[in-house]
Protein backbone atom coordinates (compact mmCIF):
# COMPACT_ATOMS: atom_id res chain seq x y z
CA MET A 1 -10.61 20.27 -49.72
CA ARG A 2 -8.92 23.51 -48.11
CA ALA A 3 -8.46 21.39 -44.71
CA ALA A 4 -6.21 19.28 -46.92
CA VAL A 5 -4.77 22.58 -48.47
CA ALA A 6 -4.14 24.07 -45.52
CA GLU A 7 -2.57 20.68 -44.11
CA LEU A 8 -0.16 20.71 -46.62
CA GLU A 9 0.32 24.35 -46.71
CA ARG A 10 1.79 23.63 -43.04
CA ALA A 11 4.22 20.73 -43.51
CA ARG A 12 5.88 23.30 -46.54
CA CYS A 13 6.01 25.73 -44.01
CA HIS A 14 7.42 23.19 -41.28
CA ASN A 15 9.50 21.21 -43.72
CA ALA A 16 11.35 24.63 -44.69
CA GLU A 17 12.04 25.54 -41.15
CA LEU A 18 13.41 22.05 -40.50
CA GLU A 19 15.74 22.43 -43.91
CA GLU A 20 16.80 25.73 -42.50
CA ARG A 21 17.73 24.55 -39.56
CA LEU A 22 19.19 21.68 -40.39
CA ARG A 23 21.72 24.12 -42.57
CA GLN A 24 22.34 26.11 -39.15
CA LEU A 25 23.43 22.98 -37.64
CA SER A 26 25.40 21.85 -40.42
CA ALA A 27 27.64 24.69 -40.48
CA GLU A 28 28.20 25.26 -36.78
CA GLY A 29 28.71 21.27 -36.89
CA GLN A 30 31.53 22.38 -39.46
CA ALA A 31 32.67 25.16 -37.02
CA TRP A 32 33.56 22.94 -34.32
CA LEU A 33 34.88 20.24 -35.83
CA GLY A 34 37.45 23.20 -37.09
CA VAL A 35 38.10 23.99 -33.82
CA ALA A 36 38.67 20.39 -32.65
CA LYS A 37 41.18 19.86 -35.62
CA SER A 38 42.92 22.73 -34.78
CA HIS A 39 42.75 21.81 -30.70
CA GLU A 40 44.01 18.38 -31.58
CA ALA A 41 46.91 20.06 -33.56
CA ILE A 42 48.08 22.11 -30.04
CA ALA A 43 48.09 19.21 -28.41
CA GLU A 44 49.69 17.31 -30.60
CA GLY A 45 52.39 19.81 -30.52
CA LEU A 46 52.64 19.86 -26.73
CA ARG A 47 52.64 16.24 -26.68
CA VAL A 48 55.50 15.69 -29.14
CA THR A 49 57.62 19.19 -26.81
CA LEU A 50 56.68 17.03 -23.76
CA ASP A 51 58.21 13.36 -24.83
CA HIS A 52 61.17 15.49 -26.23
CA LEU A 53 62.19 17.14 -23.06
CA LEU A 54 61.29 13.70 -21.32
CA GLN A 55 63.60 12.03 -23.14
CA GLN A 56 66.49 14.97 -22.74
CA PRO A 57 68.71 14.05 -19.66
CA ALA A 58 67.67 15.99 -16.33
CA ALA A 59 70.19 18.47 -15.32
CA VAL A 60 70.46 21.29 -12.57
CA ASP A 61 72.38 24.08 -13.03
CA GLY A 62 74.73 22.19 -15.57
CA GLY A 63 75.47 19.09 -13.69
CA ASP A 64 74.06 15.72 -13.10
CA ALA A 65 70.50 15.54 -11.53
CA GLU A 66 70.20 15.42 -7.73
CA ASP A 67 69.27 12.49 -6.52
CA ALA A 68 65.76 12.64 -3.94
CA GLN A 69 67.04 13.18 -0.59
CA SER A 70 67.07 16.39 1.34
CA CYS A 71 70.10 17.79 2.71
CA CYS A 72 67.73 19.68 5.37
CA PHE A 73 68.10 16.99 7.44
CA GLU A 74 71.47 15.41 7.34
CA THR A 75 72.94 14.93 11.33
CA ALA A 76 76.63 15.81 11.45
CA PRO A 77 79.26 13.82 10.94
CA ALA A 78 80.70 11.51 13.62
CA GLY A 79 82.29 12.96 16.50
CA VAL A 80 80.93 16.67 16.36
CA ALA A 81 79.23 17.34 19.36
CA GLY A 82 76.01 19.42 20.29
CA ASP A 83 72.84 19.49 19.37
CA ALA A 84 73.25 20.43 15.85
CA ALA A 85 74.14 16.75 15.52
CA SER A 86 70.93 15.96 16.64
CA PRO A 87 68.38 15.18 13.90
CA VAL A 88 65.17 16.76 15.67
CA ALA A 89 67.07 19.41 16.42
CA SER A 90 68.26 19.89 12.65
CA ARG A 91 64.27 19.68 11.92
CA SER A 92 63.60 23.22 12.87
CA CYS A 93 61.82 25.45 10.39
CA LYS A 94 64.85 27.45 8.36
CA SER A 95 62.53 30.42 8.44
CA CYS A 96 61.06 30.87 11.66
CA GLY A 97 63.25 28.42 13.53
CA GLY A 98 61.10 27.40 16.11
CA ALA A 99 58.22 24.98 14.80
CA GLU A 100 58.91 21.48 13.34
CA ALA A 101 59.96 21.53 9.57
CA CYS A 102 56.66 19.47 7.66
CA VAL A 103 56.94 21.20 4.34
CA LEU A 104 58.68 19.75 1.70
CA LEU A 105 59.15 21.97 -0.77
CA LEU A 106 59.09 21.52 -4.96
CA PRO A 107 61.38 20.97 -6.70
CA CYS A 108 64.10 21.53 -5.03
CA ARG A 109 62.63 18.75 -2.62
CA HIS A 110 63.61 20.73 0.75
CA LEU A 111 62.27 19.80 3.52
CA CYS A 112 62.82 22.96 5.35
CA LEU A 113 59.46 25.12 6.66
CA CYS A 114 56.67 24.41 8.69
CA ARG A 115 52.62 25.08 7.61
CA ALA A 116 53.24 28.32 9.41
CA CYS A 117 56.35 29.93 7.34
CA GLU A 118 55.12 27.75 4.22
CA ALA A 119 52.34 29.99 3.23
CA ALA A 120 54.17 33.02 3.27
CA ALA A 121 57.03 31.13 1.87
CA ASP A 122 58.09 32.30 -2.24
CA ALA A 123 61.20 30.41 -2.59
CA CYS A 124 62.63 27.87 -0.28
CA PRO A 125 64.94 29.77 2.83
CA VAL A 126 68.04 27.18 1.75
CA CYS A 127 68.62 27.22 -1.71
CA ALA A 128 66.06 30.40 -3.17
CA ALA A 129 65.11 27.95 -5.38
CA THR A 130 61.14 29.22 -6.50
CA LYS A 131 58.44 27.45 -4.88
CA ASN A 132 56.14 25.90 -7.45
CA ALA A 133 54.89 23.35 -5.47
CA SER A 134 54.48 21.93 -1.64
CA LEU A 135 53.55 18.96 -0.02
CA HIS A 136 52.77 18.41 4.09
CA VAL A 137 55.19 15.92 5.13
CA LEU A 138 54.25 13.48 8.19
CA LEU A 139 57.13 12.70 10.25
CA SER A 140 57.30 9.40 12.82
């Protein structure tokens, strides 16, 4: 009989511990639910802002959006003599002038730096736009 009473007491203690743990987990779950709803509201606000910005026409300095062509390697008009008209000569790095330009700067899309100069550049040497990112381009 004593063994049964002791077993019953252990079961009650274990049950009380489990109920307390359940209350703690329930409170923690509610807290995480509040955090998740807050993050969802922030994400929805950002999504609405992004949609709004994407629907606006793109403008650069108040003008029309530029096309994707860079102005760096345009050849000189016909009839202009000299090395400047050759595409190879115009592909030199606009910073050091020695190496071939193989880095496209974003957002201005100027292909104007070599790999060595790109690491130190914070702005485009052609238009002085702040560099957000860069792409290494393989030219053939």
